[in-house]
C-alpha atoms as a PDB file:
ATOM      1  CA  MET A   1     -15.316 -13.400   1.278  1.00  0.00           C
ATOM      2  CA  ASP A   2     -17.552 -11.607   3.750  1.00  0.00           C
ATOM      3  CA  VAL A   3     -18.926  -8.175   2.842  1.00  0.00           C
ATOM      4  CA  TYR A   4     -17.269  -6.646   5.913  1.00  0.00           C
ATOM      5  CA  LEU A   5     -13.961  -8.487   5.482  1.00  0.00           C
ATOM      6  CA  LYS A   6     -13.192  -7.003   2.053  1.00  0.00           C
ATOM      7  CA  PRO A   7     -12.987  -3.328   3.149  1.00  0.00           C
ATOM      8  CA  LEU A   8     -11.166  -4.406   6.315  1.00  0.00           C
ATOM      9  CA  ALA A   9      -8.567  -6.359   4.332  1.00  0.00           C
ATOM     10  CA  ALA A  10      -8.208  -3.423   1.926  1.00  0.00           C
ATOM     11  CA  GLY A  11      -7.727  -1.037   4.851  1.00  0.00           C
ATOM     12  CA  VAL A  12      -5.095  -3.284   6.429  1.00  0.00           C
ATOM     13  CA  LEU A  13      -3.290  -3.573   3.073  1.00  0.00           C
ATOM     14  CA  ALA A  14      -3.313   0.210   2.650  1.00  0.00           C
ATOM     15  CA  LEU A  15      -2.023   0.719   6.197  1.00  0.00           C
ATOM     16  CA  VAL A  16       0.788  -1.812   5.757  1.00  0.00           C
ATOM     17  CA  GLY A  17       1.741  -0.279   2.407  1.00  0.00           C
ATOM     18  CA  LEU A  18       1.782   3.186   3.955  1.00  0.00           C
ATOM     19  CA  LEU A  19       3.960   2.015   6.863  1.00  0.00           C
ATOM     20  CA  VAL A  20       6.401   0.342   4.459  1.00  0.00           C
ATOM     21  CA  ILE A  21       6.655   3.532   2.372  1.00  0.00           C
ATOM     22  CA  ILE A  22       7.183   5.682   5.504  1.00  0.00           C
ATOM     23  CA  ALA A  23       9.848   3.238   6.707  1.00  0.00           C
ATOM     24  CA  LEU A  24      11.605   3.466   3.319  1.00  0.00           C
ATOM     25  CA  PHE A  25      11.554   7.270   3.408  1.00  0.00           C
ATOM     26  CA  VAL A  26      12.886   7.361   6.989  1.00  0.00           C
ATOM     27  CA  THR A  27      15.684   4.881   6.252  1.00  0.00           C
ATOM     28  CA  HIS A  28      16.594   7.034   3.200  1.00  0.00           C
ATOM     29  CA  PRO A  29      18.488   5.915   0.018  1.00  0.00           C
ATOM     30  CA  VAL A  30      17.282   8.259  -2.740  1.00  0.00           C
ATOM     31  CA  TRP A  31      16.954   5.360  -5.219  1.00  0.00           C
ATOM     32  CA  LEU A  32      14.314   3.808  -2.916  1.00  0.00           C
ATOM     33  CA  VAL A  33      11.940   6.735  -3.439  1.00  0.00           C
ATOM     34  CA  PRO A  34      10.881   5.805  -7.028  1.00  0.00           C
ATOM     35  CA  THR A  35      10.517   2.208  -5.844  1.00  0.00           C
ATOM     36  CA  ALA A  36       8.298   3.361  -2.968  1.00  0.00           C
ATOM     37  CA  VAL A  37       6.219   5.490  -5.347  1.00  0.00           C
ATOM     38  CA  THR A  38       5.824   2.526  -7.713  1.00  0.00           C
ATOM     39  CA  MET A  39       4.817   0.312  -4.776  1.00  0.00           C
ATOM     40  CA  ALA A  40       2.286   2.927  -3.652  1.00  0.00           C
ATOM     41  CA  ALA A  41       0.786   3.079  -7.155  1.00  0.00           C
ATOM     42  CA  ALA A  42       0.620  -0.726  -7.339  1.00  0.00           C
ATOM     43  CA  ASN A  43      -0.981  -0.785  -3.882  1.00  0.00           C
ATOM     44  CA  MET A  44      -3.661   1.721  -4.958  1.00  0.00           C
ATOM     45  CA  ILE A  45      -4.436  -0.302  -8.101  1.00  0.00           C
ATOM     46  CA  LEU A  46      -4.666  -3.444  -5.947  1.00  0.00           C
ATOM     47  CA  LEU A  47      -7.048  -1.666  -3.557  1.00  0.00           C
ATOM     48  CA  LEU A  48      -9.246  -0.540  -6.453  1.00  0.00           C
ATOM     49  CA  ILE A  49      -9.410  -4.131  -7.737  1.00  0.00           C
ATOM     50  CA  VAL A  50     -10.216  -5.488  -4.257  1.00  0.00           C
ATOM     51  CA  ALA A  51     -12.843  -2.786  -3.646  1.00  0.00           C
ATOM     52  CA  LYS A  52     -14.806  -3.757  -6.776  1.00  0.00           C
END
């Protein structure tokens, strides 16, 4: 992968993850919140792995 593509891909992933989480919060169900938090944590771990 290109040096410039990695941060770009990571940024896009973070943005998509953020949008998904916002969408989940807006469309409610309380039980979705822990799922969203778990997804956010997994996303951050993924980003850290990709960034290295």
